[in-house]
Protein backbone atom coordinates (compact mmCIF):
# COMPACT_ATOMS: atom_id res chain seq x y z
CA MET A 1 14.00 -9.35 2.78
CA MET A 2 13.80 -7.08 5.79
CA MET A 3 12.78 -4.17 3.57
CA PHE A 4 9.87 -6.29 2.32
CA VAL A 5 8.56 -6.71 5.86
CA ILE A 6 9.13 -3.06 6.76
CA PHE A 7 7.44 -1.76 3.59
CA LEU A 8 4.53 -4.14 4.02
CA ILE A 9 3.87 -3.13 7.62
CA VAL A 10 4.22 0.59 6.93
CA ASN A 11 2.12 0.47 3.76
CA VAL A 12 -0.77 -1.52 5.16
CA GLY A 13 -0.68 0.47 8.40
CA THR A 14 -0.71 3.84 6.63
CA ILE A 15 -3.51 2.93 4.25
CA GLY A 16 -5.52 1.49 7.14
CA ILE A 17 -5.08 4.65 9.21
CA PHE A 18 -6.04 6.92 6.32
CA TYR A 19 -9.09 4.80 5.55
CA GLY A 20 -10.10 4.83 9.21
CA VAL A 21 -9.81 8.62 9.41
CA TYR A 22 -11.06 9.76 6.01
CA GLY A 23 -13.09 6.78 4.84
CA THR A 24 -15.68 7.26 7.57
CA LYS A 25 -16.46 10.91 6.73
CA ARG A 26 -19.33 9.92 4.45
CA LYS A 27 -22.17 10.41 6.90
CA TYR A 28 -23.83 13.66 7.92
CA GLU A 29 -22.70 14.10 11.52
CA GLU A 30 -22.66 17.12 13.83
CA GLY A 31 -23.84 19.44 11.05
CA MET A 32 -20.94 18.47 8.78
CA LEU A 33 -20.43 16.39 5.70
CA MET A 34 -16.77 15.64 4.81
CA GLY A 35 -15.69 18.36 7.22
CA VAL A 36 -17.88 21.03 5.59
CA HIS A 37 -20.69 22.67 7.59
CA LEU A 38 -24.01 22.17 5.84
CA PRO A 39 -27.61 22.51 6.91
CA GLY A 40 -29.49 19.22 7.13
CA SER A 41 -31.72 20.09 4.16
CA ALA A 42 -28.70 20.69 1.91
CA ALA A 43 -27.20 17.35 2.89
CA GLU A 44 -30.33 15.62 1.63
CA SER A 45 -30.32 17.27 -1.81
CA GLU A 46 -29.86 15.18 -4.94
CA GLU A 47 -26.61 16.91 -5.95
CA VAL A 48 -24.98 16.19 -2.62
CA LYS A 49 -26.15 12.58 -2.68
CA MET A 50 -24.64 12.10 -6.15
CA LEU A 51 -21.40 13.77 -5.03
CA MET A 52 -21.19 11.48 -2.01
CA LYS A 53 -21.88 8.43 -4.14
CA LYS A 54 -19.07 9.46 -6.49
CA TYR A 55 -16.81 10.15 -3.49
CA ARG A 56 -17.47 6.69 -2.08
CA THR A 57 -16.67 5.05 -5.42
CA TRP A 58 -13.46 7.05 -5.90
CA THR A 59 -12.23 6.46 -2.37
CA LYS A 60 -12.73 2.72 -2.71
CA TRP A 61 -10.71 2.75 -5.93
CA PHE A 62 -8.08 5.03 -4.42
CA TYR A 63 -7.47 2.87 -1.38
CA THR A 64 -7.57 -0.35 -3.41
CA LEU A 65 -5.06 0.93 -5.97
CA ASN A 66 -2.80 2.30 -3.23
CA LEU A 67 -2.87 -1.04 -1.46
CA LEU A 68 -2.08 -2.93 -4.68
CA ALA A 69 0.74 -0.52 -5.60
CA GLY A 70 2.19 -0.88 -2.12
CA ILE A 71 2.05 -4.65 -2.31
CA ALA A 72 3.75 -4.48 -5.74
CA VAL A 73 6.59 -2.43 -4.24
CA CYS A 74 6.86 -4.90 -1.38
CA GLY A 75 6.93 -7.76 -3.86
CA PHE A 76 9.71 -6.04 -5.79
CA CYS A 77 11.74 -5.67 -2.59
CA PHE A 78 11.09 -9.33 -1.77
CA TRP A 79 12.32 -10.55 -5.16
CA CYS A 80 15.36 -8.26 -5.00
CA GLY A 81 16.19 -9.83 -1.66
CA VAL A 82 15.74 -13.34 -3.04
CA TYR A 83 17.95 -12.50 -6.01
CA GLY A 84 20.60 -11.04 -3.72
CA LEU A 85 20.64 -14.14 -1.55
CA TRP A 86 20.79 -16.39 -4.60
CA ARG A 87 23.63 -14.35 -6.06
CA CYS A 88 25.57 -14.42 -2.80
CA ALA A 89 25.09 -18.18 -2.43
CA SER A 90 26.21 -18.89 -6.00
CA GLU A 91 29.33 -16.72 -5.65
CA ARG A 92 30.25 -18.49 -2.43
CA PHE A 93 29.75 -21.85 -4.15
CA PHE A 94 32.02 -20.89 -7.05
CA TYR A 95 34.61 -19.51 -4.64
CA TYR A 96 34.54 -22.83 -2.77
CA ILE A 97 35.05 -24.77 -6.02
CA GLU A 98 37.87 -22.47 -7.04
CA ARG A 99 39.72 -23.00 -3.77
CA THR A 100 39.18 -26.74 -3.50
CA GLU A 101 40.00 -27.52 -7.14
CA ASN A 102 42.90 -25.04 -7.38
CA CYS A 103 41.60 -23.70 -10.64
CA MET A 104 40.17 -20.49 -12.04
CA ILE A 105 36.62 -20.48 -13.33
């Protein structure tokens, strides 16, 4: 159960940080576009606009799929924890019956 919480916090935090750093590099600022120096006229060309549109689409998919995969891993850890607790509780119950009834199950 604790791994579920740890994975969830780390996963959401990491994806949020990466999106905050790299997801905002879509605008032409300080003579650069995605960290590449370009003249202003080149940044307005049709090829660059299409590339940036494709980049925006792919980054949205990338971050969405990463978030969903991370949540799936967290869900797996959660259900493993639930199963472990259930298994432990059932074994303790059978041990209690075995000792109180003086029999072997």
